[in-house]
């Protein structure tokens, strides 16, 4: 790239993101290599960094989240029985993929995957970038007349992200997100449920948000909702639209309709994670007086915080973000997620369990008179005094 282009790009980064320090050449090369050969670099990451034991523990949490969601369905009064039964079937059919696709364990598979990508021998980075883009577009075009491949991922193992695919009814959690700070087997379980479990719940709820609910358990576009339930769903969804419409970044408001699916997933994911956490404690007898001492050992030393408070802190810290006003403002029209600040405030203010845990004043912003909800928190067991 020309020096003039680099300076323009640098100025844009300073304006939008406040980034003044230039990346080292090795960082730029590593990023470009990962963008082009994500599954190859992912295989290296898996062999050197990723812990298989983490995958097993996350698998357990995924099933806890699934069970908790199914358990809450009978409590949802706005949903008719037939639609509820279909929702249970779809939830049971959701496929989960964790860490990485199995095929990258064999280098021969990786070679076959990239065999049609022929790079320029002139060492021209722009030409090679174009060739990579063409290869990726051609790969996508080949899928047009094919059935969905359940072993095919749209993210690579190093991605710090997760996603739900309606046409496959599948949730995917790359290895990049199955580690600190989102998951750590050595910290209190309350923090893990607040963080990674709420992310898992978020993706599961996408199967039942305003878009995902139009697909059935097989990934087919299918109207399996009764009209009455669909209408009442839309009524509850309107509450979220109005709630998030009120949040602002400077003078600009968040678009509650544009961010609706993600807001439903944030709120529902948090509620399901909370239910799963309570089920976990009950199963391990940590709510009985006999095991209070053991429960205290699961708290953070030096901090006078309860396990419930830690759960909500785990959720909030997941979205801890440092950004510029300009970047946050620009995201209002491009990002289907609400600003991280309001992903936290919006979800927690809708949880009566949060306001109880932190003793928020009734009628305050975090303990409002009106709350929005679609997917309920299951009332499993009371906390001991």
Protein backbone atom coordinates (compact mmCIF):
# COMPACT_ATOMS: atom_id res chain seq x y z
CA UNK A 1 0.00 0.00 0.00
CA UNK A 2 1.15 3.54 -0.67
CA UNK A 3 2.31 5.75 2.21
CA UNK A 4 -0.57 8.13 1.49
CA UNK A 5 -3.15 5.35 1.90
CA UNK A 6 -1.52 4.17 5.14
CA UNK A 7 -1.68 7.69 6.60
CA UNK A 8 -5.37 8.04 5.68
CA UNK A 9 -6.10 4.69 7.32
CA UNK A 10 -4.15 5.73 10.42
CA UNK A 11 -6.13 8.99 10.71
CA UNK A 12 -9.40 7.06 10.46
CA UNK A 13 -8.32 4.66 13.25
CA UNK A 14 -7.39 7.58 15.49
CA UNK A 15 -10.76 9.25 14.86
CA UNK A 16 -12.96 6.18 15.25
CA UNK A 17 -11.07 4.02 17.73
CA UNK A 18 -8.54 6.30 19.37
CA UNK A 19 -5.73 4.01 18.22
CA UNK A 20 -2.49 5.95 17.87
CA UNK A 21 0.01 3.11 18.13
CA UNK A 22 0.82 1.46 14.84
CA UNK A 23 0.72 -2.32 14.60
CA UNK A 24 3.96 -4.17 14.11
CA UNK A 25 4.45 -5.77 10.70
CA UNK A 26 4.26 -9.26 12.21
CA UNK A 27 0.85 -8.43 13.70
CA UNK A 28 -0.47 -7.28 10.33
CA UNK A 29 0.92 -10.38 8.61
CA UNK A 30 -0.54 -12.68 11.26
CA UNK A 31 -3.98 -11.12 10.90
CA UNK A 32 -3.89 -11.36 7.10
CA UNK A 33 -2.70 -14.96 7.25
CA UNK A 34 -5.49 -15.90 9.65
CA UNK A 35 -8.09 -14.17 7.45
CA UNK A 36 -6.88 -16.17 4.45
CA UNK A 37 -6.09 -19.51 6.10
CA UNK A 38 -8.28 -19.48 9.22
CA UNK A 39 -8.71 -23.24 9.46
CA UNK A 40 -4.98 -23.87 8.97
CA UNK A 41 -4.02 -21.36 11.67
CA UNK A 42 -6.90 -22.72 13.73
CA UNK A 43 -5.36 -26.19 13.61
CA UNK A 44 -2.11 -24.74 15.00
CA UNK A 45 -4.03 -22.92 17.72
CA UNK A 46 -5.87 -26.09 18.71
CA UNK A 47 -2.68 -28.14 18.92
CA UNK A 48 -0.75 -25.57 20.96
CA UNK A 49 -3.23 -23.57 23.04
CA UNK A 50 -6.70 -25.08 23.34
CA UNK A 51 -7.45 -27.41 26.24
CA UNK A 52 -9.75 -30.34 25.42
CA UNK A 53 -10.88 -30.47 29.07
CA UNK A 54 -12.42 -27.03 28.60
CA UNK A 55 -14.45 -28.42 25.70
CA UNK A 56 -15.87 -31.18 27.91
CA UNK A 57 -16.89 -28.69 30.60
CA UNK A 58 -18.50 -26.37 28.08
CA UNK A 59 -20.41 -29.33 26.63
CA UNK A 60 -21.88 -29.87 30.09
CA UNK A 61 -22.91 -26.20 30.36
CA UNK A 62 -24.52 -26.30 26.90
CA UNK A 63 -26.73 -29.20 27.97
CA UNK A 64 -27.56 -27.39 31.23
CA UNK A 65 -28.67 -24.37 29.20
CA UNK A 66 -30.75 -26.50 26.85
CA UNK A 67 -32.45 -28.27 29.78
CA UNK A 68 -33.08 -24.98 31.58
CA UNK A 69 -34.74 -23.49 28.49
CA UNK A 70 -37.00 -26.51 28.04
CA UNK A 71 -37.84 -26.36 31.75
CA UNK A 72 -39.01 -22.73 31.52
CA UNK A 73 -41.37 -23.32 28.59
CA UNK A 74 -44.34 -24.55 30.70
CA UNK A 75 -44.15 -21.28 32.67
CA UNK A 76 -44.69 -19.13 29.58
CA UNK A 77 -48.37 -18.26 29.69
CA UNK A 78 -48.54 -16.41 26.37
CA UNK A 79 -47.56 -19.54 24.39
CA UNK A 80 -50.20 -22.15 23.49
CA UNK A 81 -49.55 -25.82 24.19
CA UNK A 82 -49.03 -26.91 20.58
CA UNK A 83 -46.49 -24.16 19.88
CA UNK A 84 -44.80 -24.93 23.20
CA UNK A 85 -44.43 -28.59 22.25
CA UNK A 86 -42.90 -27.63 18.91
CA UNK A 87 -40.50 -25.27 20.70
CA UNK A 88 -39.43 -28.13 22.97
CA UNK A 89 -38.82 -30.35 19.94
CA UNK A 90 -36.75 -27.66 18.22
CA UNK A 91 -34.69 -27.01 21.36
CA UNK A 92 -33.92 -30.72 21.70
CA UNK A 93 -32.86 -30.86 18.04
CA UNK A 94 -30.41 -27.95 18.23
CA UNK A 95 -26.97 -29.18 17.20
CA UNK A 96 -24.00 -27.77 19.09
CA UNK A 97 -20.45 -27.55 17.82
CA UNK A 98 -17.62 -26.63 20.19
CA UNK A 99 -14.00 -25.63 19.71
CA UNK A 100 -13.25 -26.61 16.13
CA UNK A 101 -14.51 -28.79 13.24
CA UNK A 102 -13.10 -32.29 13.56
CA UNK A 103 -11.85 -32.39 9.99
CA UNK A 104 -9.00 -29.94 10.69
CA UNK A 105 -7.32 -32.57 12.89
CA UNK A 106 -6.04 -34.13 9.64
CA UNK A 107 -3.65 -31.92 7.66
CA UNK A 108 -4.70 -33.66 4.45
CA UNK A 109 -8.20 -32.26 4.87
CA UNK A 110 -6.78 -28.77 5.27
CA UNK A 111 -4.71 -29.20 2.10
CA UNK A 112 -7.82 -30.28 0.19
CA UNK A 113 -9.82 -27.34 1.56
CA UNK A 114 -7.31 -24.80 0.23
CA UNK A 115 -6.24 -26.66 -2.93
CA UNK A 116 -8.04 -24.21 -5.24
CA UNK A 117 -6.43 -21.17 -3.63
CA UNK A 118 -3.44 -20.32 -5.84
CA UNK A 119 -1.50 -17.28 -4.65
CA UNK A 120 0.68 -14.99 -6.74
CA UNK A 121 4.39 -15.77 -6.84
CA UNK A 122 5.21 -12.07 -7.26
CA UNK A 123 4.79 -11.50 -3.51
CA UNK A 124 2.24 -8.76 -4.20
CA UNK A 125 0.05 -8.53 -1.08
CA UNK A 126 -2.78 -6.66 -2.84
CA UNK A 127 -3.01 -9.26 -5.61
CA UNK A 128 -2.94 -12.07 -3.05
CA UNK A 129 -5.66 -10.36 -1.02
CA UNK A 130 -7.85 -10.22 -4.13
CA UNK A 131 -7.12 -13.89 -4.88
CA UNK A 132 -8.13 -14.87 -1.35
CA UNK A 133 -11.35 -12.86 -1.62
CA UNK A 134 -12.16 -14.52 -4.96
CA UNK A 135 -11.48 -17.97 -3.51
CA UNK A 136 -13.79 -17.32 -0.56
CA UNK A 137 -16.56 -15.98 -2.81
CA UNK A 138 -16.26 -19.00 -5.12
CA UNK A 139 -16.48 -21.32 -2.11
CA UNK A 140 -19.74 -19.67 -1.11
CA UNK A 141 -21.17 -19.85 -4.63
CA UNK A 142 -20.55 -23.61 -4.74
CA UNK A 143 -22.96 -24.03 -1.81
CA UNK A 144 -25.96 -22.60 -3.65
CA UNK A 145 -27.22 -25.96 -4.96
CA UNK A 146 -26.03 -28.04 -1.99
CA UNK A 147 -27.70 -29.12 1.22
CA UNK A 148 -26.35 -27.53 4.42
CA UNK A 149 -23.15 -29.21 5.58
CA UNK A 150 -23.30 -29.69 9.35
CA UNK A 151 -19.52 -29.95 9.60
CA UNK A 152 -18.97 -26.64 7.84
CA UNK A 153 -18.29 -23.59 9.98
CA UNK A 154 -18.57 -19.93 8.98
CA UNK A 155 -16.13 -18.96 11.75
CA UNK A 156 -12.67 -20.33 12.37
CA UNK A 157 -11.40 -21.83 15.66
CA UNK A 158 -9.51 -18.70 16.71
CA UNK A 159 -12.56 -16.43 16.42
CA UNK A 160 -13.63 -14.91 19.73
CA UNK A 161 -17.30 -15.14 18.86
CA UNK A 162 -20.26 -17.52 18.59
CA UNK A 163 -23.24 -17.90 16.27
CA UNK A 164 -26.52 -19.65 15.51
CA UNK A 165 -27.39 -20.83 11.99
CA UNK A 166 -31.19 -21.08 11.45
CA UNK A 167 -30.89 -23.22 8.28
CA UNK A 168 -28.93 -25.83 10.26
CA UNK A 169 -30.53 -25.25 13.67
CA UNK A 170 -26.97 -25.24 14.96
CA UNK A 171 -25.05 -23.24 17.56
CA UNK A 172 -21.28 -22.91 17.21
CA UNK A 173 -18.73 -21.82 19.81
CA UNK A 174 -15.17 -21.55 18.42
CA UNK A 175 -12.21 -22.31 20.68
CA UNK A 176 -11.36 -18.62 20.81
CA UNK A 177 -14.32 -17.86 23.08
CA UNK A 178 -13.98 -20.99 25.24
CA UNK A 179 -11.19 -19.51 27.34
CA UNK A 180 -10.38 -16.64 29.70
CA UNK A 181 -11.98 -14.17 30.24
CA UNK A 182 -15.20 -15.86 29.09
CA UNK A 183 -14.52 -19.22 30.70
CA UNK A 184 -12.01 -20.32 33.32
CA UNK A 185 -12.37 -23.63 35.19
CA UNK A 186 -10.38 -22.19 38.09
CA UNK A 187 -12.74 -19.34 39.01
CA UNK A 188 -16.06 -19.50 40.91
CA UNK A 189 -18.73 -21.32 38.91
CA UNK A 190 -21.04 -18.32 39.39
CA UNK A 191 -18.77 -16.19 37.19
CA UNK A 192 -18.64 -18.85 34.49
CA UNK A 193 -22.41 -19.18 34.42
CA UNK A 194 -22.76 -15.40 34.27
CA UNK A 195 -20.33 -15.17 31.37
CA UNK A 196 -20.01 -18.17 29.05
CA UNK A 197 -23.39 -19.68 30.00
CA UNK A 198 -25.19 -16.43 29.17
CA UNK A 199 -23.39 -16.39 25.80
CA UNK A 200 -24.52 -19.97 25.16
CA UNK A 201 -28.03 -19.00 26.21
CA UNK A 202 -27.87 -16.00 23.88
CA UNK A 203 -27.15 -18.22 20.88
CA UNK A 204 -29.83 -20.74 21.85
CA UNK A 205 -32.42 -17.97 22.15
CA UNK A 206 -31.60 -16.90 18.58
CA UNK A 207 -33.44 -20.06 17.55
CA UNK A 208 -36.57 -18.47 19.01
CA UNK A 209 -36.09 -14.75 18.38
CA UNK A 210 -38.05 -12.64 15.87
CA UNK A 211 -36.08 -14.17 12.97
CA UNK A 212 -35.03 -17.63 14.18
CA UNK A 213 -38.55 -18.62 15.22
CA UNK A 214 -39.55 -18.89 11.56
CA UNK A 215 -37.33 -21.98 11.13
CA UNK A 216 -38.18 -25.44 12.47
CA UNK A 217 -35.96 -28.02 14.15
CA UNK A 218 -34.72 -29.29 10.77
CA UNK A 219 -33.62 -25.83 9.67
CA UNK A 220 -36.48 -25.42 7.22
CA UNK A 221 -38.41 -22.19 6.81
CA UNK A 222 -41.68 -23.29 8.40
CA UNK A 223 -44.46 -21.41 10.15
CA UNK A 224 -44.86 -23.70 13.17
CA UNK A 225 -46.30 -21.00 15.44
CA UNK A 226 -50.02 -20.65 16.09
CA UNK A 227 -51.27 -17.19 15.16
CA UNK A 228 -52.23 -16.33 18.73
CA UNK A 229 -48.80 -17.18 20.11
CA UNK A 230 -47.04 -15.36 17.27
CA UNK A 231 -49.15 -12.26 17.94
CA UNK A 232 -48.43 -12.35 21.67
CA UNK A 233 -44.72 -12.85 20.94
CA UNK A 234 -44.78 -9.67 18.86
CA UNK A 235 -46.53 -7.83 21.69
CA UNK A 236 -43.79 -8.83 24.14
CA UNK A 237 -41.12 -7.97 21.56
CA UNK A 238 -42.59 -4.48 21.23
CA UNK A 239 -41.71 -3.88 24.88
CA UNK A 240 -38.02 -4.46 24.05
CA UNK A 241 -38.24 -2.15 21.04
CA UNK A 242 -39.60 0.66 23.20
CA UNK A 243 -37.12 -0.01 26.02
CA UNK A 244 -34.01 0.13 23.83
CA UNK A 245 -35.33 3.04 21.77
CA UNK A 246 -34.88 5.16 24.91
CA UNK A 247 -31.16 4.45 25.29
CA UNK A 248 -28.80 7.02 23.78
CA UNK A 249 -25.21 7.45 22.69
CA UNK A 250 -24.78 11.21 22.89
CA UNK A 251 -27.81 12.65 21.11
CA UNK A 252 -28.45 9.57 18.98
CA UNK A 253 -30.88 6.88 20.12
CA UNK A 254 -30.39 3.14 19.76
CA UNK A 255 -32.76 1.64 17.19
CA UNK A 256 -34.81 -0.85 19.20
CA UNK A 257 -36.21 -2.54 16.08
CA UNK A 258 -32.81 -2.84 14.36
CA UNK A 259 -31.29 -4.44 17.48
CA UNK A 260 -34.39 -6.45 18.45
CA UNK A 261 -33.12 -9.99 17.79
CA UNK A 262 -29.91 -9.39 19.71
CA UNK A 263 -31.73 -7.74 22.61
CA UNK A 264 -34.14 -10.66 22.87
CA UNK A 265 -31.15 -13.03 22.83
CA UNK A 266 -29.26 -11.02 25.46
CA UNK A 267 -32.21 -10.92 27.82
CA UNK A 268 -33.32 -14.50 27.22
CA UNK A 269 -29.76 -15.82 27.39
CA UNK A 270 -29.20 -14.17 30.77
CA UNK A 271 -32.45 -15.55 32.16
CA UNK A 272 -31.74 -19.06 30.93
CA UNK A 273 -28.19 -18.93 32.30
CA UNK A 274 -29.56 -17.86 35.68
CA UNK A 275 -32.03 -20.75 35.70
CA UNK A 276 -29.25 -23.17 34.70
CA UNK A 277 -27.03 -21.83 37.49
CA UNK A 278 -29.77 -22.38 40.09
CA UNK A 279 -30.35 -25.89 38.78
CA UNK A 280 -26.62 -26.56 39.05
CA UNK A 281 -26.52 -25.37 42.68
CA UNK A 282 -29.55 -27.43 43.57
CA UNK A 283 -28.11 -30.55 41.98
CA UNK A 284 -24.88 -30.11 43.91
CA UNK A 285 -26.73 -29.29 47.15
CA UNK A 286 -25.00 -25.94 47.46
CA UNK A 287 -28.21 -24.23 48.56
CA UNK A 288 -28.67 -26.29 51.71
CA UNK A 289 -27.36 -24.98 55.03
CA UNK A 290 -25.12 -28.04 55.33
CA UNK A 291 -23.06 -26.85 52.37
CA UNK A 292 -22.92 -23.10 53.06
CA UNK A 293 -19.23 -23.38 53.98
CA UNK A 294 -18.50 -25.04 50.64
CA UNK A 295 -20.47 -22.32 48.87
CA UNK A 296 -18.40 -19.61 50.58
CA UNK A 297 -15.27 -21.25 49.21
CA UNK A 298 -16.66 -20.54 45.74
CA UNK A 299 -16.67 -16.77 46.38
CA UNK A 300 -13.90 -14.31 45.58
CA UNK A 301 -11.50 -13.69 48.48
CA UNK A 302 -11.36 -10.14 49.80
CA UNK A 303 -14.69 -9.13 48.28
CA UNK A 304 -17.96 -9.15 50.18
CA UNK A 305 -19.98 -10.41 47.22
CA UNK A 306 -22.56 -13.18 47.21
CA UNK A 307 -22.67 -15.91 44.60
CA UNK A 308 -25.72 -14.23 43.02
CA UNK A 309 -23.87 -10.94 42.76
CA UNK A 310 -20.90 -12.72 41.20
CA UNK A 311 -23.20 -14.29 38.62
CA UNK A 312 -24.42 -10.89 37.46
CA UNK A 313 -20.92 -9.41 37.61
CA UNK A 314 -19.74 -12.26 35.39
CA UNK A 315 -22.40 -11.27 32.87
CA UNK A 316 -21.60 -7.55 33.03
CA UNK A 317 -17.85 -8.00 32.67
CA UNK A 318 -18.37 -10.06 29.53
CA UNK A 319 -19.36 -6.84 27.76
CA UNK A 320 -16.76 -4.57 29.37
CA UNK A 321 -15.60 -2.44 26.44
CA UNK A 322 -13.30 0.50 25.80
CA UNK A 323 -14.26 2.53 22.77
CA UNK A 324 -14.44 6.09 21.48
CA UNK A 325 -17.64 8.09 21.24
CA UNK A 326 -17.19 8.30 17.45
CA UNK A 327 -16.89 4.53 17.09
CA UNK A 328 -19.89 3.88 19.35
CA UNK A 329 -21.95 6.44 17.46
CA UNK A 330 -21.02 4.97 14.07
CA UNK A 331 -22.04 1.49 15.26
CA UNK A 332 -25.61 2.67 15.89
CA UNK A 333 -26.43 2.37 12.19
CA UNK A 334 -24.33 -0.70 11.37
CA UNK A 335 -24.27 -3.05 14.39
CA UNK A 336 -27.36 -5.15 15.13
CA UNK A 337 -26.18 -5.38 18.74
CA UNK A 338 -26.95 -2.58 21.18
CA UNK A 339 -23.99 -0.69 22.64
CA UNK A 340 -22.28 -2.98 25.23
CA UNK A 341 -23.24 -0.60 28.05
CA UNK A 342 -26.91 -1.06 27.25
CA UNK A 343 -26.59 -4.76 26.57
CA UNK A 344 -25.74 -4.94 30.26
CA UNK A 345 -28.09 -2.29 31.66
CA UNK A 346 -31.02 -3.35 29.48
CA UNK A 347 -30.77 -7.04 30.38
CA UNK A 348 -30.06 -6.60 34.10
CA UNK A 349 -32.81 -4.01 34.62
CA UNK A 350 -35.28 -6.62 33.33
CA UNK A 351 -34.15 -9.16 35.94
CA UNK A 352 -35.89 -8.83 39.35
CA UNK A 353 -33.26 -11.25 40.69
CA UNK A 354 -30.58 -8.65 39.92
CA UNK A 355 -32.32 -5.81 41.75
CA UNK A 356 -32.87 -8.14 44.72
CA UNK A 357 -29.23 -9.26 44.77
CA UNK A 358 -27.94 -5.67 44.77
CA UNK A 359 -30.84 -4.17 46.75
CA UNK A 360 -31.74 -1.64 44.06
CA UNK A 361 -34.35 0.90 45.12
CA UNK A 362 -37.83 0.19 43.82
CA UNK A 363 -38.61 2.45 40.90
CA UNK A 364 -34.94 3.12 40.15
CA UNK A 365 -33.49 2.58 36.67
CA UNK A 366 -32.20 -0.88 37.64
CA UNK A 367 -35.42 -1.85 39.45
CA UNK A 368 -38.15 -0.37 37.24
CA UNK A 369 -41.88 -0.79 37.62
CA UNK A 370 -42.17 -2.10 34.06
CA UNK A 371 -39.94 -4.90 32.83
CA UNK A 372 -39.71 -6.60 29.44
CA UNK A 373 -39.63 -10.36 29.14
CA UNK A 374 -40.32 -13.09 26.63
CA UNK A 375 -38.47 -16.08 28.06
CA UNK A 376 -38.99 -16.47 31.82
CA UNK A 377 -36.68 -17.32 34.68
CA UNK A 378 -37.75 -20.61 36.24
CA UNK A 379 -38.59 -20.40 39.94
CA UNK A 380 -36.65 -23.41 41.16
CA UNK A 381 -35.62 -22.87 44.73
CA UNK A 382 -35.25 -20.09 47.27
CA UNK A 383 -31.93 -18.91 48.60
CA UNK A 384 -31.21 -19.77 52.26
CA UNK A 385 -31.36 -16.89 54.73
